[in-house]
């Protein structure tokens, strides 16, 4: 009986410590030191909530940069974050990727044998990745230039200003947050 009592007291003590005290402490510290990040890294335009810089969104208009496709169901639903688990041996997956490649080539005026960056046609593991490679962004510049009446050099400058470099210049790769990039396009229009 004595061991049972010790086990129960240990369980309750660790449950309170690990399940209540620690999470409350971490929440308090994060709210004090990093309030914007700990509240979801939300982006606003005026008083309107646009979205989170951490979660990809669908952009279908030729006036905007396209992000990575989403494998979440429904698309870009943060509560349904998951990969499709389809691989290169899956016929449905191959057909879907082939359609995406053709769409990117057609909309961006690329030759039929031109390579397309993988991040424009393949979903990330979470299905919610908000970033694309710099190459994927630059590939779309001409299409957006025509749709918005902006010069290619202006658009390339906007892309360059929004490049996020690897952490400590060694971990990861240079990338561009699509939502931030598209908000910059809208801000340019207002200037």
C-alpha atoms as a PDB file:
ATOM      1  CA  UNK A   1       0.000   0.000   0.000  1.00  0.00           C
ATOM      2  CA  UNK A   2       2.894   2.322   0.823  1.00  0.00           C
ATOM      3  CA  UNK A   3       4.320   1.972  -2.739  1.00  0.00           C
ATOM      4  CA  UNK A   4       0.952   2.668  -4.279  1.00  0.00           C
ATOM      5  CA  UNK A   5       0.640   5.870  -2.241  1.00  0.00           C
ATOM      6  CA  UNK A   6       4.171   6.963  -3.281  1.00  0.00           C
ATOM      7  CA  UNK A   7       3.407   6.205  -6.922  1.00  0.00           C
ATOM      8  CA  UNK A   8       0.153   8.177  -6.831  1.00  0.00           C
ATOM      9  CA  UNK A   9       1.795  11.187  -5.133  1.00  0.00           C
ATOM     10  CA  UNK A  10       4.654  11.127  -7.645  1.00  0.00           C
ATOM     11  CA  UNK A  11       2.178  10.905 -10.523  1.00  0.00           C
ATOM     12  CA  UNK A  12       0.109  13.853  -9.203  1.00  0.00           C
ATOM     13  CA  UNK A  13       3.226  15.942  -8.515  1.00  0.00           C
ATOM     14  CA  UNK A  14       4.631  15.410 -12.020  1.00  0.00           C
ATOM     15  CA  UNK A  15       1.213  15.876 -13.626  1.00  0.00           C
ATOM     16  CA  UNK A  16       0.867  19.286 -11.955  1.00  0.00           C
ATOM     17  CA  UNK A  17       4.482  20.236 -12.655  1.00  0.00           C
ATOM     18  CA  UNK A  18       4.626  19.071 -16.293  1.00  0.00           C
ATOM     19  CA  UNK A  19       0.981  19.552 -17.238  1.00  0.00           C
ATOM     20  CA  UNK A  20       0.231  22.865 -15.535  1.00  0.00           C
ATOM     21  CA  UNK A  21       3.196  24.763 -14.058  1.00  0.00           C
ATOM     22  CA  UNK A  22       5.630  24.291 -16.977  1.00  0.00           C
ATOM     23  CA  UNK A  23       3.124  25.148 -19.777  1.00  0.00           C
ATOM     24  CA  UNK A  24       1.914  28.232 -17.879  1.00  0.00           C
ATOM     25  CA  UNK A  25       5.500  29.376 -17.292  1.00  0.00           C
ATOM     26  CA  UNK A  26       6.460  28.928 -20.957  1.00  0.00           C
ATOM     27  CA  UNK A  27       3.270  30.711 -22.083  1.00  0.00           C
ATOM     28  CA  UNK A  28       3.983  33.636 -19.760  1.00  0.00           C
ATOM     29  CA  UNK A  29       7.610  33.945 -20.891  1.00  0.00           C
ATOM     30  CA  UNK A  30       6.693  33.734 -24.580  1.00  0.00           C
ATOM     31  CA  UNK A  31       3.897  36.312 -24.203  1.00  0.00           C
ATOM     32  CA  UNK A  32       6.294  38.707 -22.462  1.00  0.00           C
ATOM     33  CA  UNK A  33       9.306  38.234 -24.748  1.00  0.00           C
ATOM     34  CA  UNK A  34       7.764  37.337 -28.121  1.00  0.00           C
ATOM     35  CA  UNK A  35       4.091  38.400 -28.138  1.00  0.00           C
ATOM     36  CA  UNK A  36       3.716  38.628 -31.935  1.00  0.00           C
ATOM     37  CA  UNK A  37       5.255  35.208 -32.556  1.00  0.00           C
ATOM     38  CA  UNK A  38       3.530  33.479 -29.650  1.00  0.00           C
ATOM     39  CA  UNK A  39       0.154  34.689 -30.922  1.00  0.00           C
ATOM     40  CA  UNK A  40       0.550  33.091 -34.341  1.00  0.00           C
ATOM     41  CA  UNK A  41       2.637  35.645 -36.289  1.00  0.00           C
ATOM     42  CA  UNK A  42      -0.524  37.216 -37.656  1.00  0.00           C
ATOM     43  CA  UNK A  43      -0.296  39.785 -40.472  1.00  0.00           C
ATOM     44  CA  UNK A  44      -2.756  42.637 -40.849  1.00  0.00           C
ATOM     45  CA  UNK A  45      -3.484  45.281 -43.427  1.00  0.00           C
ATOM     46  CA  UNK A  46      -5.057  48.266 -41.736  1.00  0.00           C
ATOM     47  CA  UNK A  47      -7.538  46.743 -39.307  1.00  0.00           C
ATOM     48  CA  UNK A  48      -8.054  43.602 -41.413  1.00  0.00           C
ATOM     49  CA  UNK A  49      -6.499  40.296 -40.448  1.00  0.00           C
ATOM     50  CA  UNK A  50      -4.828  38.886 -43.566  1.00  0.00           C
ATOM     51  CA  UNK A  51      -3.406  35.636 -42.235  1.00  0.00           C
ATOM     52  CA  UNK A  52      -0.421  34.119 -40.510  1.00  0.00           C
ATOM     53  CA  UNK A  53       3.057  34.332 -41.957  1.00  0.00           C
ATOM     54  CA  UNK A  54       3.476  30.712 -40.815  1.00  0.00           C
ATOM     55  CA  UNK A  55       0.681  29.164 -42.902  1.00  0.00           C
ATOM     56  CA  UNK A  56       0.437  29.136 -46.685  1.00  0.00           C
ATOM     57  CA  UNK A  57      -2.607  30.473 -48.500  1.00  0.00           C
ATOM     58  CA  UNK A  58      -4.099  29.963 -51.941  1.00  0.00           C
ATOM     59  CA  UNK A  59      -3.400  32.658 -54.527  1.00  0.00           C
ATOM     60  CA  UNK A  60      -5.008  32.003 -57.913  1.00  0.00           C
ATOM     61  CA  UNK A  61      -4.903  35.430 -59.532  1.00  0.00           C
ATOM     62  CA  UNK A  62      -2.157  36.038 -62.110  1.00  0.00           C
ATOM     63  CA  UNK A  63      -1.525  39.312 -60.226  1.00  0.00           C
ATOM     64  CA  UNK A  64      -0.009  37.408 -57.282  1.00  0.00           C
ATOM     65  CA  UNK A  65       2.816  35.022 -56.593  1.00  0.00           C
ATOM     66  CA  UNK A  66       1.658  31.433 -56.213  1.00  0.00           C
ATOM     67  CA  UNK A  67       2.767  29.446 -53.199  1.00  0.00           C
ATOM     68  CA  UNK A  68       3.288  25.739 -52.721  1.00  0.00           C
ATOM     69  CA  UNK A  69       0.304  23.495 -53.357  1.00  0.00           C
ATOM     70  CA  UNK A  70      -1.444  22.223 -50.244  1.00  0.00           C
ATOM     71  CA  UNK A  71      -2.107  18.574 -49.506  1.00  0.00           C
ATOM     72  CA  UNK A  72      -4.325  19.445 -46.520  1.00  0.00           C
ATOM     73  CA  UNK A  73      -8.021  18.717 -46.912  1.00  0.00           C
ATOM     74  CA  UNK A  74      -9.522  21.254 -47.414  1.00  0.00           C
ATOM     75  CA  UNK A  75      -6.510  23.050 -48.882  1.00  0.00           C
ATOM     76  CA  UNK A  76      -4.475  25.248 -46.504  1.00  0.00           C
ATOM     77  CA  UNK A  77      -6.581  24.200 -43.499  1.00  0.00           C
ATOM     78  CA  UNK A  78      -4.226  24.424 -40.523  1.00  0.00           C
ATOM     79  CA  UNK A  79      -6.309  21.980 -38.483  1.00  0.00           C
ATOM     80  CA  UNK A  80      -5.893  19.382 -41.229  1.00  0.00           C
ATOM     81  CA  UNK A  81      -2.136  19.638 -41.658  1.00  0.00           C
ATOM     82  CA  UNK A  82      -0.791  16.500 -43.289  1.00  0.00           C
ATOM     83  CA  UNK A  83       1.067  15.194 -46.270  1.00  0.00           C
ATOM     84  CA  UNK A  84      -0.717  13.170 -48.925  1.00  0.00           C
ATOM     85  CA  UNK A  85       1.544  10.103 -48.500  1.00  0.00           C
ATOM     86  CA  UNK A  86       1.521   9.742 -52.277  1.00  0.00           C
ATOM     87  CA  UNK A  87       4.825   9.083 -53.949  1.00  0.00           C
ATOM     88  CA  UNK A  88       6.266   8.772 -57.433  1.00  0.00           C
ATOM     89  CA  UNK A  89       4.803   5.296 -57.846  1.00  0.00           C
ATOM     90  CA  UNK A  90       1.242   6.606 -57.397  1.00  0.00           C
ATOM     91  CA  UNK A  91      -0.466   7.248 -60.755  1.00  0.00           C
ATOM     92  CA  UNK A  92      -2.896   9.823 -59.297  1.00  0.00           C
ATOM     93  CA  UNK A  93       0.013  11.766 -57.779  1.00  0.00           C
ATOM     94  CA  UNK A  94       1.962  11.739 -61.054  1.00  0.00           C
ATOM     95  CA  UNK A  95      -1.055  12.971 -63.010  1.00  0.00           C
ATOM     96  CA  UNK A  96      -1.688  15.740 -60.478  1.00  0.00           C
ATOM     97  CA  UNK A  97       1.944  16.914 -60.613  1.00  0.00           C
ATOM     98  CA  UNK A  98       1.920  16.765 -64.432  1.00  0.00           C
ATOM     99  CA  UNK A  99      -1.157  19.055 -64.505  1.00  0.00           C
ATOM    100  CA  UNK A 100       0.494  21.470 -62.083  1.00  0.00           C
ATOM    101  CA  UNK A 101       3.669  21.605 -64.191  1.00  0.00           C
ATOM    102  CA  UNK A 102       1.642  22.295 -67.357  1.00  0.00           C
ATOM    103  CA  UNK A 103      -0.336  25.015 -65.562  1.00  0.00           C
ATOM    104  CA  UNK A 104       2.830  26.746 -64.314  1.00  0.00           C
ATOM    105  CA  UNK A 105       4.427  26.562 -67.759  1.00  0.00           C
ATOM    106  CA  UNK A 106       1.305  27.878 -69.531  1.00  0.00           C
ATOM    107  CA  UNK A 107       0.617  30.720 -67.104  1.00  0.00           C
ATOM    108  CA  UNK A 108       4.236  31.869 -67.037  1.00  0.00           C
ATOM    109  CA  UNK A 109       4.908  31.555 -70.781  1.00  0.00           C
ATOM    110  CA  UNK A 110       7.538  28.834 -70.425  1.00  0.00           C
ATOM    111  CA  UNK A 111       8.508  26.364 -73.160  1.00  0.00           C
ATOM    112  CA  UNK A 112       7.031  22.869 -72.823  1.00  0.00           C
ATOM    113  CA  UNK A 113      10.423  21.392 -71.888  1.00  0.00           C
ATOM    114  CA  UNK A 114      11.371  24.117 -69.384  1.00  0.00           C
ATOM    115  CA  UNK A 115      12.078  22.917 -65.842  1.00  0.00           C
ATOM    116  CA  UNK A 116       9.705  24.071 -63.099  1.00  0.00           C
ATOM    117  CA  UNK A 117      10.866  24.468 -59.488  1.00  0.00           C
ATOM    118  CA  UNK A 118       9.606  21.557 -57.404  1.00  0.00           C
ATOM    119  CA  UNK A 119       8.111  23.809 -54.746  1.00  0.00           C
ATOM    120  CA  UNK A 120       5.550  25.147 -57.247  1.00  0.00           C
ATOM    121  CA  UNK A 121       4.191  21.679 -58.012  1.00  0.00           C
ATOM    122  CA  UNK A 122       4.835  19.563 -54.898  1.00  0.00           C
ATOM    123  CA  UNK A 123       3.242  20.095 -51.501  1.00  0.00           C
ATOM    124  CA  UNK A 124       5.382  20.199 -48.369  1.00  0.00           C
ATOM    125  CA  UNK A 125       5.082  17.544 -45.673  1.00  0.00           C
ATOM    126  CA  UNK A 126       2.656  19.692 -43.678  1.00  0.00           C
ATOM    127  CA  UNK A 127       0.766  20.889 -46.740  1.00  0.00           C
ATOM    128  CA  UNK A 128       0.919  24.417 -45.296  1.00  0.00           C
ATOM    129  CA  UNK A 129       4.393  25.734 -46.132  1.00  0.00           C
ATOM    130  CA  UNK A 130       4.230  29.546 -46.553  1.00  0.00           C
ATOM    131  CA  UNK A 131       7.553  29.807 -48.409  1.00  0.00           C
ATOM    132  CA  UNK A 132       8.801  29.216 -51.928  1.00  0.00           C
ATOM    133  CA  UNK A 133      12.343  29.242 -53.246  1.00  0.00           C
ATOM    134  CA  UNK A 134      13.802  32.414 -54.714  1.00  0.00           C
ATOM    135  CA  UNK A 135      13.908  30.607 -58.089  1.00  0.00           C
ATOM    136  CA  UNK A 136      10.172  29.857 -57.874  1.00  0.00           C
ATOM    137  CA  UNK A 137       9.441  33.514 -57.119  1.00  0.00           C
ATOM    138  CA  UNK A 138      11.658  34.802 -59.931  1.00  0.00           C
ATOM    139  CA  UNK A 139      10.027  32.404 -62.404  1.00  0.00           C
ATOM    140  CA  UNK A 140       6.678  34.163 -61.771  1.00  0.00           C
ATOM    141  CA  UNK A 141       7.953  37.736 -62.156  1.00  0.00           C
ATOM    142  CA  UNK A 142       7.181  38.042 -65.889  1.00  0.00           C
ATOM    143  CA  UNK A 143       3.552  36.890 -65.473  1.00  0.00           C
ATOM    144  CA  UNK A 144       2.918  39.287 -62.592  1.00  0.00           C
ATOM    145  CA  UNK A 145       4.667  42.100 -64.451  1.00  0.00           C
ATOM    146  CA  UNK A 146       2.221  41.725 -67.350  1.00  0.00           C
ATOM    147  CA  UNK A 147      -0.822  41.398 -65.076  1.00  0.00           C
ATOM    148  CA  UNK A 148       0.039  44.410 -62.910  1.00  0.00           C
ATOM    149  CA  UNK A 149       1.721  46.683 -65.415  1.00  0.00           C
ATOM    150  CA  UNK A 150       4.896  46.771 -63.332  1.00  0.00           C
ATOM    151  CA  UNK A 151       8.390  46.531 -64.730  1.00  0.00           C
ATOM    152  CA  UNK A 152      10.283  43.274 -64.328  1.00  0.00           C
ATOM    153  CA  UNK A 153      13.079  45.114 -62.499  1.00  0.00           C
ATOM    154  CA  UNK A 154      10.596  46.559 -59.950  1.00  0.00           C
ATOM    155  CA  UNK A 155       9.198  43.101 -59.260  1.00  0.00           C
ATOM    156  CA  UNK A 156      12.645  41.530 -59.004  1.00  0.00           C
ATOM    157  CA  UNK A 157      13.560  44.247 -56.496  1.00  0.00           C
ATOM    158  CA  UNK A 158      10.498  43.432 -54.387  1.00  0.00           C
ATOM    159  CA  UNK A 159      11.437  39.747 -54.429  1.00  0.00           C
ATOM    160  CA  UNK A 160      15.050  40.518 -53.450  1.00  0.00           C
ATOM    161  CA  UNK A 161      13.897  42.696 -50.528  1.00  0.00           C
ATOM    162  CA  UNK A 162      11.772  39.812 -49.202  1.00  0.00           C
ATOM    163  CA  UNK A 163      14.357  37.038 -49.343  1.00  0.00           C
ATOM    164  CA  UNK A 164      14.779  35.285 -46.008  1.00  0.00           C
ATOM    165  CA  UNK A 165      18.321  33.945 -45.796  1.00  0.00           C
ATOM    166  CA  UNK A 166      19.377  30.698 -44.082  1.00  0.00           C
ATOM    167  CA  UNK A 167      19.675  30.795 -40.288  1.00  0.00           C
ATOM    168  CA  UNK A 168      23.248  31.889 -39.466  1.00  0.00           C
ATOM    169  CA  UNK A 169      23.849  31.641 -43.231  1.00  0.00           C
ATOM    170  CA  UNK A 170      24.344  27.863 -42.922  1.00  0.00           C
ATOM    171  CA  UNK A 171      21.035  26.150 -42.035  1.00  0.00           C
ATOM    172  CA  UNK A 172      18.316  25.958 -44.637  1.00  0.00           C
ATOM    173  CA  UNK A 173      18.080  27.750 -47.938  1.00  0.00           C
ATOM    174  CA  UNK A 174      17.092  31.210 -49.081  1.00  0.00           C
ATOM    175  CA  UNK A 175      13.336  31.477 -49.435  1.00  0.00           C
ATOM    176  CA  UNK A 176      10.504  33.958 -49.818  1.00  0.00           C
ATOM    177  CA  UNK A 177       7.315  34.160 -47.748  1.00  0.00           C
ATOM    178  CA  UNK A 178       4.520  34.272 -50.339  1.00  0.00           C
ATOM    179  CA  UNK A 179       1.975  36.140 -48.187  1.00  0.00           C
ATOM    180  CA  UNK A 180       4.470  38.870 -47.281  1.00  0.00           C
ATOM    181  CA  UNK A 181       5.530  39.122 -50.918  1.00  0.00           C
ATOM    182  CA  UNK A 182       1.948  39.508 -52.119  1.00  0.00           C
ATOM    183  CA  UNK A 183       1.207  42.102 -49.421  1.00  0.00           C
ATOM    184  CA  UNK A 184       4.244  44.040 -50.683  1.00  0.00           C
ATOM    185  CA  UNK A 185       2.768  43.913 -54.204  1.00  0.00           C
ATOM    186  CA  UNK A 186      -0.500  45.404 -52.944  1.00  0.00           C
ATOM    187  CA  UNK A 187       1.398  48.062 -50.997  1.00  0.00           C
ATOM    188  CA  UNK A 188       3.333  48.996 -54.152  1.00  0.00           C
ATOM    189  CA  UNK A 189       0.061  49.545 -55.996  1.00  0.00           C
ATOM    190  CA  UNK A 190      -1.112  52.025 -53.345  1.00  0.00           C
ATOM    191  CA  UNK A 191       2.109  54.051 -53.433  1.00  0.00           C
END
